[in-house]
Amino acid sequence: MSSAWKNAVPRREHRERPQPAARKHLGLLEKHKDYVKRARSHHRKRDRMTALKRRAELRNQDEFYYGMSGAKTKVSAVEARAPDAPGNAQPCPSQARPARHGSLAIAILYVTCYYRRTACT
């Protein structure tokens, strides 16, 4: 028998075991394919958050683009006081939002707030 005919023969489908009757109250039994789907989703989300956190950390505060010349911010680098001085808590970055709200800018903003443990409004 040649190998081409070997692949043409239908094979029995592998079936995973069901949830045992004594554990029915716990709900559906998570199959391997369900676990793989959930794990990949979790890793994608974790990697996305890690990348956004890294982008927020590496962002240059002194970077300049000509589009920024007409933009207004509430807190500038010159006006900002030392954060470690008594009574000078660092403001949430959401209070000094960029002029253009792109999805990346908003994501970086929320990641920054999350890692500073402040509320973004």
PDB file of N, CA and C in Angstrom:
ATOM      1  N   MET A   1       0.849  -1.176   0.000  1.00  0.00           N
ATOM      2  CA  MET A   1       0.000   0.000   0.000  1.00  0.00           C
ATOM      3  C   MET A   1       0.891   1.233   0.000  1.00  0.00           C
ATOM      4  N   SER A   2       0.614   2.139  -0.922  1.00  0.00           N
ATOM      5  CA  SER A   2       1.438   3.336  -0.996  1.00  0.00           C
ATOM      6  C   SER A   2       1.006   4.337   0.080  1.00  0.00           C
ATOM      7  N   SER A   3       1.881   5.309   0.317  1.00  0.00           N
ATOM      8  CA  SER A   3       1.589   6.275   1.375  1.00  0.00           C
ATOM      9  C   SER A   3       0.426   7.189   1.025  1.00  0.00           C
ATOM     10  N   ALA A   4       0.150   7.384  -0.264  1.00  0.00           N
ATOM     11  CA  ALA A   4      -0.989   8.221  -0.658  1.00  0.00           C
ATOM     12  C   ALA A   4      -2.300   7.565  -0.239  1.00  0.00           C
ATOM     13  N   TRP A   5      -2.405   6.249  -0.399  1.00  0.00           N
ATOM     14  CA  TRP A   5      -3.621   5.547   0.005  1.00  0.00           C
ATOM     15  C   TRP A   5      -3.757   5.486   1.519  1.00  0.00           C
ATOM     16  N   LYS A   6      -2.635   5.478   2.210  1.00  0.00           N
ATOM     17  CA  LYS A   6      -2.672   5.417   3.664  1.00  0.00           C
ATOM     18  C   LYS A   6      -3.337   6.669   4.247  1.00  0.00           C
ATOM     19  N   ASN A   7      -3.099   7.810   3.587  1.00  0.00           N
ATOM     20  CA  ASN A   7      -3.682   9.064   4.077  1.00  0.00           C
ATOM     21  C   ASN A   7      -5.136   9.223   3.658  1.00  0.00           C
ATOM     22  N   ALA A   8      -5.590   8.455   2.681  1.00  0.00           N
ATOM     23  CA  ALA A   8      -6.958   8.576   2.192  1.00  0.00           C
ATOM     24  C   ALA A   8      -7.948   7.826   3.079  1.00  0.00           C
ATOM     25  N   VAL A   9      -7.462   6.916   3.886  1.00  0.00           N
ATOM     26  CA  VAL A   9      -8.336   6.113   4.742  1.00  0.00           C
ATOM     27  C   VAL A   9      -8.820   6.970   5.904  1.00  0.00           C
ATOM     28  N   PRO A  10     -10.144   7.039   6.138  1.00  0.00           N
ATOM     29  CA  PRO A  10     -10.621   7.836   7.280  1.00  0.00           C
ATOM     30  C   PRO A  10     -10.214   7.199   8.600  1.00  0.00           C
ATOM     31  N   ARG A  11      -9.820   8.009   9.519  1.00  0.00           N
ATOM     32  CA  ARG A  11      -9.385   7.532  10.832  1.00  0.00           C
ATOM     33  C   ARG A  11     -10.428   7.892  11.885  1.00  0.00           C
ATOM     34  N   ARG A  12     -10.407   7.160  12.977  1.00  0.00           N
ATOM     35  CA  ARG A  12     -11.341   7.446  14.059  1.00  0.00           C
ATOM     36  C   ARG A  12     -10.918   8.729  14.764  1.00  0.00           C
ATOM     37  N   GLU A  13     -11.862   9.588  15.048  1.00  0.00           N
ATOM     38  CA  GLU A  13     -11.561  10.860  15.710  1.00  0.00           C
ATOM     39  C   GLU A  13     -11.226  10.611  17.176  1.00  0.00           C
ATOM     40  N   HIS A  14     -10.187  11.271  17.658  1.00  0.00           N
ATOM     41  CA  HIS A  14      -9.816  11.161  19.062  1.00  0.00           C
ATOM     42  C   HIS A  14     -10.791  11.988  19.890  1.00  0.00           C
ATOM     43  N   ARG A  15     -11.407  11.350  20.862  1.00  0.00           N
ATOM     44  CA  ARG A  15     -12.374  12.057  21.693  1.00  0.00           C
ATOM     45  C   ARG A  15     -11.832  12.144  23.112  1.00  0.00           C
ATOM     46  N   GLU A  16     -11.993  13.299  23.719  1.00  0.00           N
ATOM     47  CA  GLU A  16     -11.549  13.468  25.108  1.00  0.00           C
ATOM     48  C   GLU A  16     -12.663  13.025  26.039  1.00  0.00           C
ATOM     49  N   ARG A  17     -12.294  12.648  27.226  1.00  0.00           N
ATOM     50  CA  ARG A  17     -13.274  12.116  28.169  1.00  0.00           C
ATOM     51  C   ARG A  17     -14.221  13.215  28.645  1.00  0.00           C
ATOM     52  N   PRO A  18     -15.440  12.835  28.993  1.00  0.00           N
ATOM     53  CA  PRO A  18     -16.385  13.836  29.524  1.00  0.00           C
ATOM     54  C   PRO A  18     -16.146  14.083  31.013  1.00  0.00           C
ATOM     55  N   GLN A  19     -16.855  15.047  31.542  1.00  0.00           N
ATOM     56  CA  GLN A  19     -16.792  15.318  32.982  1.00  0.00           C
ATOM     57  C   GLN A  19     -17.426  14.139  33.717  1.00  0.00           C
ATOM     58  N   PRO A  20     -16.757  13.571  34.748  1.00  0.00           N
ATOM     59  CA  PRO A  20     -17.364  12.457  35.503  1.00  0.00           C
ATOM     60  C   PRO A  20     -18.667  12.896  36.168  1.00  0.00           C
ATOM     61  N   ALA A  21     -19.572  11.945  36.344  1.00  0.00           N
ATOM     62  CA  ALA A  21     -20.897  12.255  36.888  1.00  0.00           C
ATOM     63  C   ALA A  21     -20.797  12.861  38.285  1.00  0.00           C
ATOM     64  N   ALA A  22     -19.824  12.412  39.082  1.00  0.00           N
ATOM     65  CA  ALA A  22     -19.692  12.930  40.450  1.00  0.00           C
ATOM     66  C   ALA A  22     -19.220  14.383  40.463  1.00  0.00           C
ATOM     67  N   ARG A  23     -18.687  14.875  39.352  1.00  0.00           N
ATOM     68  CA  ARG A  23     -18.177  16.257  39.299  1.00  0.00           C
ATOM     69  C   ARG A  23     -19.023  17.150  38.398  1.00  0.00           C
ATOM     70  N   LYS A  24     -20.234  16.694  38.045  1.00  0.00           N
ATOM     71  CA  LYS A  24     -21.107  17.471  37.165  1.00  0.00           C
ATOM     72  C   LYS A  24     -21.443  18.841  37.756  1.00  0.00           C
ATOM     73  N   HIS A  25     -21.491  18.923  39.081  1.00  0.00           N
ATOM     74  CA  HIS A  25     -21.844  20.186  39.734  1.00  0.00           C
ATOM     75  C   HIS A  25     -20.769  21.261  39.524  1.00  0.00           C
ATOM     76  N   LEU A  26     -19.577  20.864  39.089  1.00  0.00           N
ATOM     77  CA  LEU A  26     -18.501  21.821  38.858  1.00  0.00           C
ATOM     78  C   LEU A  26     -18.551  22.438  37.465  1.00  0.00           C
ATOM     79  N   GLY A  27     -19.480  21.955  36.639  1.00  0.00           N
ATOM     80  CA  GLY A  27     -19.607  22.519  35.304  1.00  0.00           C
ATOM     81  C   GLY A  27     -18.854  21.699  34.273  1.00  0.00           C
ATOM     82  N   LEU A  28     -18.665  22.294  33.099  1.00  0.00           N
ATOM     83  CA  LEU A  28     -18.016  21.584  32.008  1.00  0.00           C
ATOM     84  C   LEU A  28     -16.537  21.350  32.310  1.00  0.00           C
ATOM     85  N   LEU A  29     -16.052  20.215  31.840  1.00  0.00           N
ATOM     86  CA  LEU A  29     -14.644  19.895  31.985  1.00  0.00           C
ATOM     87  C   LEU A  29     -13.866  20.630  30.907  1.00  0.00           C
ATOM     88  N   GLU A  30     -12.842  21.368  31.299  1.00  0.00           N
ATOM     89  CA  GLU A  30     -12.061  22.116  30.326  1.00  0.00           C
ATOM     90  C   GLU A  30     -11.203  21.148  29.517  1.00  0.00           C
ATOM     91  N   LYS A  31     -11.416  21.154  28.214  1.00  0.00           N
ATOM     92  CA  LYS A  31     -10.657  20.280  27.329  1.00  0.00           C
ATOM     93  C   LYS A  31      -9.323  20.942  27.002  1.00  0.00           C
ATOM     94  N   HIS A  32      -8.426  20.168  26.418  1.00  0.00           N
ATOM     95  CA  HIS A  32      -7.093  20.700  26.096  1.00  0.00           C
ATOM     96  C   HIS A  32      -7.185  21.859  25.116  1.00  0.00           C
ATOM     97  N   LYS A  33      -8.049  21.737  24.099  1.00  0.00           N
ATOM     98  CA  LYS A  33      -8.156  22.815  23.124  1.00  0.00           C
ATOM     99  C   LYS A  33      -8.719  24.090  23.770  1.00  0.00           C
ATOM    100  N   ASP A  34      -9.590  23.934  24.771  1.00  0.00           N
ATOM    101  CA  ASP A  34     -10.102  25.100  25.495  1.00  0.00           C
ATOM    102  C   ASP A  34      -8.991  25.755  26.310  1.00  0.00           C
ATOM    103  N   TYR A  35      -8.174  24.915  26.948  1.00  0.00           N
ATOM    104  CA  TYR A  35      -7.052  25.438  27.728  1.00  0.00           C
ATOM    105  C   TYR A  35      -6.072  26.181  26.835  1.00  0.00           C
ATOM    106  N   VAL A  36      -5.759  25.609  25.671  1.00  0.00           N
ATOM    107  CA  VAL A  36      -4.811  26.240  24.755  1.00  0.00           C
ATOM    108  C   VAL A  36      -5.345  27.590  24.302  1.00  0.00           C
ATOM    109  N   LYS A  37      -6.621  27.654  23.982  1.00  0.00           N
ATOM    110  CA  LYS A  37      -7.236  28.918  23.552  1.00  0.00           C
ATOM    111  C   LYS A  37      -7.159  29.963  24.672  1.00  0.00           C
ATOM    112  N   ARG A  38      -7.500  29.537  25.895  1.00  0.00           N
ATOM    113  CA  ARG A  38      -7.457  30.461  27.041  1.00  0.00           C
ATOM    114  C   ARG A  38      -6.032  30.901  27.347  1.00  0.00           C
ATOM    115  N   ALA A  39      -5.083  29.984  27.280  1.00  0.00           N
ATOM    116  CA  ALA A  39      -3.688  30.309  27.579  1.00  0.00           C
ATOM    117  C   ALA A  39      -3.113  31.267  26.535  1.00  0.00           C
ATOM    118  N   ARG A  40      -3.408  31.017  25.254  1.00  0.00           N
ATOM    119  CA  ARG A  40      -2.903  31.920  24.204  1.00  0.00           C
ATOM    120  C   ARG A  40      -3.478  33.315  24.354  1.00  0.00           C
ATOM    121  N   SER A  41      -4.758  33.390  24.688  1.00  0.00           N
ATOM    122  CA  SER A  41      -5.392  34.693  24.911  1.00  0.00           C
ATOM    123  C   SER A  41      -4.719  35.409  26.082  1.00  0.00           C
ATOM    124  N   HIS A  42      -4.468  34.667  27.159  1.00  0.00           N
ATOM    125  CA  HIS A  42      -3.817  35.257  28.334  1.00  0.00           C
ATOM    126  C   HIS A  42      -2.423  35.769  27.985  1.00  0.00           C
ATOM    127  N   HIS A  43      -1.654  34.971  27.235  1.00  0.00           N
ATOM    128  CA  HIS A  43      -0.299  35.375  26.873  1.00  0.00           C
ATOM    129  C   HIS A  43      -0.306  36.582  25.953  1.00  0.00           C
ATOM    130  N   ARG A  44      -1.265  36.628  25.027  1.00  0.00           N
ATOM    131  CA  ARG A  44      -1.372  37.806  24.150  1.00  0.00           C
ATOM    132  C   ARG A  44      -1.639  39.071  24.960  1.00  0.00           C
ATOM    133  N   LYS A  45      -2.570  38.985  25.904  1.00  0.00           N
ATOM    134  CA  LYS A  45      -2.897  40.143  26.738  1.00  0.00           C
ATOM    135  C   LYS A  45      -1.713  40.541  27.605  1.00  0.00           C
ATOM    136  N   ARG A  46      -1.035  39.544  28.198  1.00  0.00           N
ATOM    137  CA  ARG A  46       0.127  39.836  29.037  1.00  0.00           C
ATOM    138  C   ARG A  46       1.242  40.486  28.231  1.00  0.00           C
ATOM    139  N   ASP A  47       1.486  39.963  27.026  1.00  0.00           N
ATOM    140  CA  ASP A  47       2.546  40.532  26.192  1.00  0.00           C
ATOM    141  C   ASP A  47       2.193  41.943  25.739  1.00  0.00           C
ATOM    142  N   ARG A  48       0.906  42.184  25.452  1.00  0.00           N
ATOM    143  CA  ARG A  48       0.479  43.525  25.046  1.00  0.00           C
ATOM    144  C   ARG A  48       0.667  44.521  26.187  1.00  0.00           C
ATOM    145  N   MET A  49       0.306  44.096  27.412  1.00  0.00           N
ATOM    146  CA  MET A  49       0.479  44.984  28.564  1.00  0.00           C
ATOM    147  C   MET A  49       1.963  45.243  28.838  1.00  0.00           C
ATOM    148  N   THR A  50       2.796  44.222  28.679  1.00  0.00           N
ATOM    149  CA  THR A  50       4.235  44.388  28.879  1.00  0.00           C
ATOM    150  C   THR A  50       4.806  45.360  27.855  1.00  0.00           C
ATOM    151  N   ALA A  51       4.371  45.225  26.600  1.00  0.00           N
ATOM    152  CA  ALA A  51       4.866  46.122  25.545  1.00  0.00           C
ATOM    153  C   ALA A  51       4.418  47.553  25.795  1.00  0.00           C
ATOM    154  N   LEU A  52       3.164  47.729  26.212  1.00  0.00           N
ATOM    155  CA  LEU A  52       2.674  49.080  26.499  1.00  0.00           C
ATOM    156  C   LEU A  52       3.394  49.678  27.703  1.00  0.00           C
ATOM    157  N   LYS A  53       3.647  48.861  28.706  1.00  0.00           N
ATOM    158  CA  LYS A  53       4.371  49.351  29.879  1.00  0.00           C
ATOM    159  C   LYS A  53       5.781  49.783  29.486  1.00  0.00           C
ATOM    160  N   ARG A  54       6.443  48.969  28.658  1.00  0.00           N
ATOM    161  CA  ARG A  54       7.795  49.301  28.219  1.00  0.00           C
ATOM    162  C   ARG A  54       7.792  50.592  27.392  1.00  0.00           C
ATOM    163  N   ARG A  55       6.778  50.752  26.530  1.00  0.00           N
ATOM    164  CA  ARG A  55       6.683  51.984  25.734  1.00  0.00           C
ATOM    165  C   ARG A  55       6.475  53.208  26.622  1.00  0.00           C
ATOM    166  N   ALA A  56       5.648  53.046  27.659  1.00  0.00           N
ATOM    167  CA  ALA A  56       5.403  54.164  28.570  1.00  0.00           C
ATOM    168  C   ALA A  56       6.669  54.513  29.346  1.00  0.00           C
ATOM    169  N   GLU A  57       7.448  53.487  29.727  1.00  0.00           N
ATOM    170  CA  GLU A  57       8.681  53.750  30.476  1.00  0.00           C
ATOM    171  C   GLU A  57       9.752  54.401  29.603  1.00  0.00           C
ATOM    172  N   LEU A  58       9.826  53.991  28.349  1.00  0.00           N
ATOM    173  CA  LEU A  58      10.877  54.480  27.461  1.00  0.00           C
ATOM    174  C   LEU A  58      10.503  55.769  26.733  1.00  0.00           C
ATOM    175  N   ARG A  59       9.298  56.251  26.942  1.00  0.00           N
ATOM    176  CA  ARG A  59       8.862  57.452  26.242  1.00  0.00           C
ATOM    177  C   ARG A  59       9.696  58.651  26.684  1.00  0.00           C
ATOM    178  N   ASN A  60      10.162  59.406  25.741  1.00  0.00           N
ATOM    179  CA  ASN A  60      10.998  60.572  26.030  1.00  0.00           C
ATOM    180  C   ASN A  60      10.099  61.764  26.332  1.00  0.00           C
ATOM    181  N   GLN A  61      10.181  62.301  27.535  1.00  0.00           N
ATOM    182  CA  GLN A  61       9.346  63.443  27.926  1.00  0.00           C
ATOM    183  C   GLN A  61       9.753  64.718  27.193  1.00  0.00           C
ATOM    184  N   ASP A  62      11.017  64.800  26.771  1.00  0.00           N
ATOM    185  CA  ASP A  62      11.514  66.013  26.123  1.00  0.00           C
ATOM    186  C   ASP A  62      11.421  65.951  24.601  1.00  0.00           C
ATOM    187  N   GLU A  63      10.778  64.918  24.059  1.00  0.00           N
ATOM    188  CA  GLU A  63      10.685  64.759  22.614  1.00  0.00           C
ATOM    189  C   GLU A  63       9.800  65.855  22.020  1.00  0.00           C
ATOM    190  N   PHE A  64      10.168  66.348  20.853  1.00  0.00           N
ATOM    191  CA  PHE A  64       9.430  67.441  20.240  1.00  0.00           C
ATOM    192  C   PHE A  64       9.043  67.101  18.819  1.00  0.00           C
ATOM    193  N   TYR A  65       7.772  67.387  18.489  1.00  0.00           N
ATOM    194  CA  TYR A  65       7.274  67.337  17.123  1.00  0.00           C
ATOM    195  C   TYR A  65       6.594  68.675  16.856  1.00  0.00           C
ATOM    196  N   TYR A  66       6.601  69.105  15.609  1.00  0.00           N
ATOM    197  CA  TYR A  66       6.014  70.408  15.293  1.00  0.00           C
ATOM    198  C   TYR A  66       4.519  70.444  15.563  1.00  0.00           C
ATOM    199  N   GLY A  67       3.870  69.310  15.553  1.00  0.00           N
ATOM    200  CA  GLY A  67       2.447  69.279  15.875  1.00  0.00           C
ATOM    201  C   GLY A  67       2.174  69.636  17.328  1.00  0.00           C
ATOM    202  N   MET A  68       3.207  69.549  18.170  1.00  0.00           N
ATOM    203  CA  MET A  68       3.045  69.871  19.586  1.00  0.00           C
ATOM    204  C   MET A  68       3.064  71.374  19.837  1.00  0.00           C
ATOM    205  N   SER A  69       3.511  72.152  18.863  1.00  0.00           N
ATOM    206  CA  SER A  69       3.661  73.589  19.112  1.00  0.00           C
ATOM    207  C   SER A  69       2.323  74.270  19.372  1.00  0.00           C
ATOM    208  N   GLY A  70       1.235  73.762  18.788  1.00  0.00           N
ATOM    209  CA  GLY A  70      -0.077  74.346  19.026  1.00  0.00           C
ATOM    210  C   GLY A  70      -0.840  73.654  20.131  1.00  0.00           C
ATOM    211  N   ALA A  71      -0.313  72.568  20.671  1.00  0.00           N
ATOM    212  CA  ALA A  71      -1.009  71.807  21.705  1.00  0.00           C
ATOM    213  C   ALA A  71      -0.823  72.469  23.062  1.00  0.00           C
ATOM    214  N   LYS A  72      -1.823  72.329  23.904  1.00  0.00           N
ATOM    215  CA  LYS A  72      -1.761  72.896  25.243  1.00  0.00           C
ATOM    216  C   LYS A  72      -1.804  71.775  26.264  1.00  0.00           C
ATOM    217  N   THR A  73      -0.986  71.871  27.278  1.00  0.00           N
ATOM    218  CA  THR A  73      -0.988  70.911  28.372  1.00  0.00           C
ATOM    219  C   THR A  73      -1.140  71.661  29.683  1.00  0.00           C
ATOM    220  N   LYS A  74      -1.644  70.974  30.699  1.00  0.00           N
ATOM    221  CA  LYS A  74      -1.836  71.613  31.997  1.00  0.00           C
ATOM    222  C   LYS A  74      -0.536  71.650  32.800  1.00  0.00           C
ATOM    223  N   VAL A  75       0.298  70.614  32.638  1.00  0.00           N
ATOM    224  CA  VAL A  75       1.538  70.529  33.398  1.00  0.00           C
ATOM    225  C   VAL A  75       2.687  70.412  32.410  1.00  0.00           C
ATOM    226  N   SER A  76       3.615  71.339  32.451  1.00  0.00           N
ATOM    227  CA  SER A  76       4.782  71.244  31.581  1.00  0.00           C
ATOM    228  C   SER A  76       5.985  70.833  32.417  1.00  0.00           C
ATOM    229  N   ALA A  77       7.073  70.512  31.758  1.00  0.00           N
ATOM    230  CA  ALA A  77       8.274  70.083  32.465  1.00  0.00           C
ATOM    231  C   ALA A  77       8.836  71.220  33.306  1.00  0.00           C
ATOM    232  N   VAL A  78       8.651  72.465  32.845  1.00  0.00           N
ATOM    233  CA  VAL A  78       9.175  73.618  33.580  1.00  0.00           C
ATOM    234  C   VAL A  78       8.343  73.871  34.835  1.00  0.00           C
ATOM    235  N   GLU A  79       7.031  73.738  34.727  1.00  0.00           N
ATOM    236  CA  GLU A  79       6.159  74.049  35.860  1.00  0.00           C
ATOM    237  C   GLU A  79       6.120  72.940  36.905  1.00  0.00           C
ATOM    238  N   ALA A  80       6.453  71.730  36.504  1.00  0.00           N
ATOM    239  CA  ALA A  80       6.355  70.602  37.433  1.00  0.00           C
ATOM    240  C   ALA A  80       7.341  70.758  38.585  1.00  0.00           C
ATOM    241  N   ARG A  81       6.856  70.468  39.798  1.00  0.00           N
ATOM    242  CA  ARG A  81       7.717  70.552  40.973  1.00  0.00           C
ATOM    243  C   ARG A  81       8.302  69.185  41.273  1.00  0.00           C
ATOM    244  N   ALA A  82       9.247  69.137  42.172  1.00  0.00           N
ATOM    245  CA  ALA A  82       9.881  67.868  42.528  1.00  0.00           C
ATOM    246  C   ALA A  82       8.844  66.939  43.148  1.00  0.00           C
ATOM    247  N   PRO A  83       8.700  65.699  42.651  1.00  0.00           N
ATOM    248  CA  PRO A  83       7.665  64.817  43.172  1.00  0.00           C
ATOM    249  C   PRO A  83       7.942  64.316  44.579  1.00  0.00           C
ATOM    250  N   ASP A  84       9.207  64.310  45.009  1.00  0.00           N
ATOM    251  CA  ASP A  84       9.496  63.782  46.335  1.00  0.00           C
ATOM    252  C   ASP A  84       9.416  64.845  47.426  1.00  0.00           C
ATOM    253  N   ALA A  85       9.124  66.107  47.075  1.00  0.00           N
ATOM    254  CA  ALA A  85       8.954  67.147  48.085  1.00  0.00           C
ATOM    255  C   ALA A  85       7.655  66.878  48.841  1.00  0.00           C
ATOM    256  N   PRO A  86       7.566  67.261  50.142  1.00  0.00           N
ATOM    257  CA  PRO A  86       6.352  66.974  50.915  1.00  0.00           C
ATOM    258  C   PRO A  86       5.141  67.705  50.331  1.00  0.00           C
ATOM    259  N   GLY A  87       4.036  66.956  50.171  1.00  0.00           N
ATOM    260  CA  GLY A  87       2.808  67.552  49.663  1.00  0.00           C
ATOM    261  C   GLY A  87       2.769  67.686  48.154  1.00  0.00           C
ATOM    262  N   ASN A  88       3.761  67.192  47.456  1.00  0.00           N
ATOM    263  CA  ASN A  88       3.783  67.303  45.995  1.00  0.00           C
ATOM    264  C   ASN A  88       3.597  65.923  45.377  1.00  0.00           C
ATOM    265  N   ALA A  89       2.396  65.420  45.413  1.00  0.00           N
ATOM    266  CA  ALA A  89       2.121  64.130  44.791  1.00  0.00           C
ATOM    267  C   ALA A  89       2.142  64.305  43.282  1.00  0.00           C
ATOM    268  N   GLN A  90       2.618  63.302  42.595  1.00  0.00           N
ATOM    269  CA  GLN A  90       2.703  63.379  41.147  1.00  0.00           C
ATOM    270  C   GLN A  90       1.295  63.289  40.571  1.00  0.00           C
ATOM    271  N   PRO A  91       0.900  64.216  39.696  1.00  0.00           N
ATOM    272  CA  PRO A  91      -0.461  64.179  39.158  1.00  0.00           C
ATOM    273  C   PRO A  91      -0.623  62.995  38.210  1.00  0.00           C
ATOM    274  N   CYS A  92      -1.860  62.534  38.099  1.00  0.00           N
ATOM    275  CA  CYS A  92      -2.161  61.450  37.167  1.00  0.00           C
ATOM    276  C   CYS A  92      -1.965  61.980  35.754  1.00  0.00           C
ATOM    277  N   PRO A  93      -1.329  61.218  34.870  1.00  0.00           N
ATOM    278  CA  PRO A  93      -1.104  61.704  33.515  1.00  0.00           C
ATOM    279  C   PRO A  93      -2.387  61.979  32.756  1.00  0.00           C
ATOM    280  N   SER A  94      -3.530  61.436  33.218  1.00  0.00           N
ATOM    281  CA  SER A  94      -4.774  61.688  32.511  1.00  0.00           C
ATOM    282  C   SER A  94      -5.196  63.143  32.641  1.00  0.00           C
ATOM    283  N   GLN A  95      -4.657  63.863  33.626  1.00  0.00           N
ATOM    284  CA  GLN A  95      -4.990  65.270  33.770  1.00  0.00           C
ATOM    285  C   GLN A  95      -4.237  66.132  32.769  1.00  0.00           C
ATOM    286  N   ALA A  96      -3.185  65.601  32.194  1.00  0.00           N
ATOM    287  CA  ALA A  96      -2.421  66.327  31.183  1.00  0.00           C
ATOM    288  C   ALA A  96      -2.440  65.522  29.897  1.00  0.00           C
ATOM    289  N   ARG A  97      -3.622  65.254  29.388  1.00  0.00           N
ATOM    290  CA  ARG A  97      -3.775  64.422  28.207  1.00  0.00           C
ATOM    291  C   ARG A  97      -3.201  65.112  26.976  1.00  0.00           C
ATOM    292  N   PRO A  98      -2.717  64.342  26.017  1.00  0.00           N
ATOM    293  CA  PRO A  98      -2.207  64.943  24.791  1.00  0.00           C
ATOM    294  C   PRO A  98      -3.329  65.570  23.974  1.00  0.00           C
ATOM    295  N   ALA A  99      -2.976  66.454  23.076  1.00  0.00           N
ATOM    296  CA  ALA A  99      -3.977  67.159  22.277  1.00  0.00           C
ATOM    297  C   ALA A  99      -4.738  66.186  21.383  1.00  0.00           C
ATOM    298  N   ARG A 100      -4.050  65.235  20.775  1.00  0.00           N
ATOM    299  CA  ARG A 100      -4.701  64.253  19.911  1.00  0.00           C
ATOM    300  C   ARG A 100      -4.833  62.951  20.679  1.00  0.00           C
ATOM    301  N   HIS A 101      -6.042  62.427  20.722  1.00  0.00           N
ATOM    302  CA  HIS A 101      -6.288  61.187  21.453  1.00  0.00           C
ATOM    303  C   HIS A 101      -6.234  60.025  20.477  1.00  0.00           C
ATOM    304  N   GLY A 102      -5.075  59.433  20.305  1.00  0.00           N
ATOM    305  CA  GLY A 102      -4.956  58.218  19.522  1.00  0.00           C
ATOM    306  C   GLY A 102      -5.119  57.035  20.453  1.00  0.00           C
ATOM    307  N   SER A 103      -5.435  55.891  19.903  1.00  0.00           N
ATOM    308  CA  SER A 103      -5.646  54.715  20.751  1.00  0.00           C
ATOM    309  C   SER A 103      -4.355  54.332  21.471  1.00  0.00           C
ATOM    310  N   LEU A 104      -3.208  54.535  20.836  1.00  0.00           N
ATOM    311  CA  LEU A 104      -1.937  54.210  21.481  1.00  0.00           C
ATOM    312  C   LEU A 104      -1.675  55.161  22.642  1.00  0.00           C
ATOM    313  N   ALA A 105      -1.947  56.461  22.432  1.00  0.00           N
ATOM    314  CA  ALA A 105      -1.719  57.437  23.500  1.00  0.00           C
ATOM    315  C   ALA A 105      -2.603  57.141  24.706  1.00  0.00           C
ATOM    316  N   ILE A 106      -3.840  56.775  24.458  1.00  0.00           N
ATOM    317  CA  ILE A 106      -4.753  56.463  25.559  1.00  0.00           C
ATOM    318  C   ILE A 106      -4.314  55.185  26.263  1.00  0.00           C
ATOM    319  N   ALA A 107      -3.871  54.194  25.494  1.00  0.00           N
ATOM    320  CA  ALA A 107      -3.409  52.942  26.099  1.00  0.00           C
ATOM    321  C   ALA A 107      -2.188  53.191  26.971  1.00  0.00           C
ATOM    322  N   ILE A 108      -1.247  53.992  26.485  1.00  0.00           N
ATOM    323  CA  ILE A 108      -0.052  54.318  27.268  1.00  0.00           C
ATOM    324  C   ILE A 108      -0.445  55.074  28.530  1.00  0.00           C
ATOM    325  N   LEU A 109      -1.417  55.955  28.392  1.00  0.00           N
ATOM    326  CA  LEU A 109      -1.888  56.722  29.535  1.00  0.00           C
ATOM    327  C   LEU A 109      -2.448  55.804  30.620  1.00  0.00           C
ATOM    328  N   TYR A 110      -3.312  54.860  30.241  1.00  0.00           N
ATOM    329  CA  TYR A 110      -3.898  53.973  31.232  1.00  0.00           C
ATOM    330  C   TYR A 110      -2.877  53.011  31.820  1.00  0.00           C
ATOM    331  N   VAL A 111      -1.927  52.556  31.020  1.00  0.00           N
ATOM    332  CA  VAL A 111      -0.885  51.679  31.551  1.00  0.00           C
ATOM    333  C   VAL A 111      -0.034  52.442  32.561  1.00  0.00           C
ATOM    334  N   THR A 112       0.292  53.704  32.241  1.00  0.00           N
ATOM    335  CA  THR A 112       1.067  54.516  33.169  1.00  0.00           C
ATOM    336  C   THR A 112       0.303  54.708  34.473  1.00  0.00           C
ATOM    337  N   CYS A 113      -0.982  54.995  34.385  1.00  0.00           N
ATOM    338  CA  CYS A 113      -1.806  55.156  35.592  1.00  0.00           C
ATOM    339  C   CYS A 113      -1.863  53.869  36.385  1.00  0.00           C
ATOM    340  N   TYR A 114      -1.975  52.749  35.686  1.00  0.00           N
ATOM    341  CA  TYR A 114      -2.067  51.457  36.361  1.00  0.00           C
ATOM    342  C   TYR A 114      -0.810  51.176  37.158  1.00  0.00           C
ATOM    343  N   TYR A 115       0.340  51.410  36.553  1.00  0.00           N
ATOM    344  CA  TYR A 115       1.592  51.091  37.248  1.00  0.00           C
ATOM    345  C   TYR A 115       1.950  52.134  38.297  1.00  0.00           C
ATOM    346  N   ARG A 116       1.375  53.317  38.224  1.00  0.00           N
ATOM    347  CA  ARG A 116       1.566  54.294  39.310  1.00  0.00           C
ATOM    348  C   ARG A 116       0.526  54.118  40.389  1.00  0.00           C
ATOM    349  N   ARG A 117      -0.456  53.250  40.145  1.00  0.00           N
ATOM    350  CA  ARG A 117      -1.550  52.980  41.076  1.00  0.00           C
ATOM    351  C   ARG A 117      -2.369  54.238  41.350  1.00  0.00           C
ATOM    352  N   THR A 118      -2.696  54.983  40.296  1.00  0.00           N
ATOM    353  CA  THR A 118      -3.547  56.151  40.444  1.00  0.00           C
ATOM    354  C   THR A 118      -4.784  55.952  39.602  1.00  0.00           C
ATOM    355  N   ALA A 119      -5.818  56.707  39.906  1.00  0.00           N
ATOM    356  CA  ALA A 119      -7.057  56.598  39.162  1.00  0.00           C
ATOM    357  C   ALA A 119      -7.030  57.527  37.964  1.00  0.00           C
ATOM    358  N   CYS A 120      -7.343  57.003  36.798  1.00  0.00           N
ATOM    359  CA  CYS A 120      -7.435  57.822  35.591  1.00  0.00           C
ATOM    360  C   CYS A 120      -8.880  58.217  35.375  1.00  0.00           C
ATOM    361  N   THR A 121      -9.106  59.471  35.182  1.00  0.00           N
ATOM    362  CA  THR A 121     -10.462  59.959  34.961  1.00  0.00           C
ATOM    363  C   THR A 121     -10.570  60.599  33.610  1.00  0.00           C
TER     364      THR A 121
END
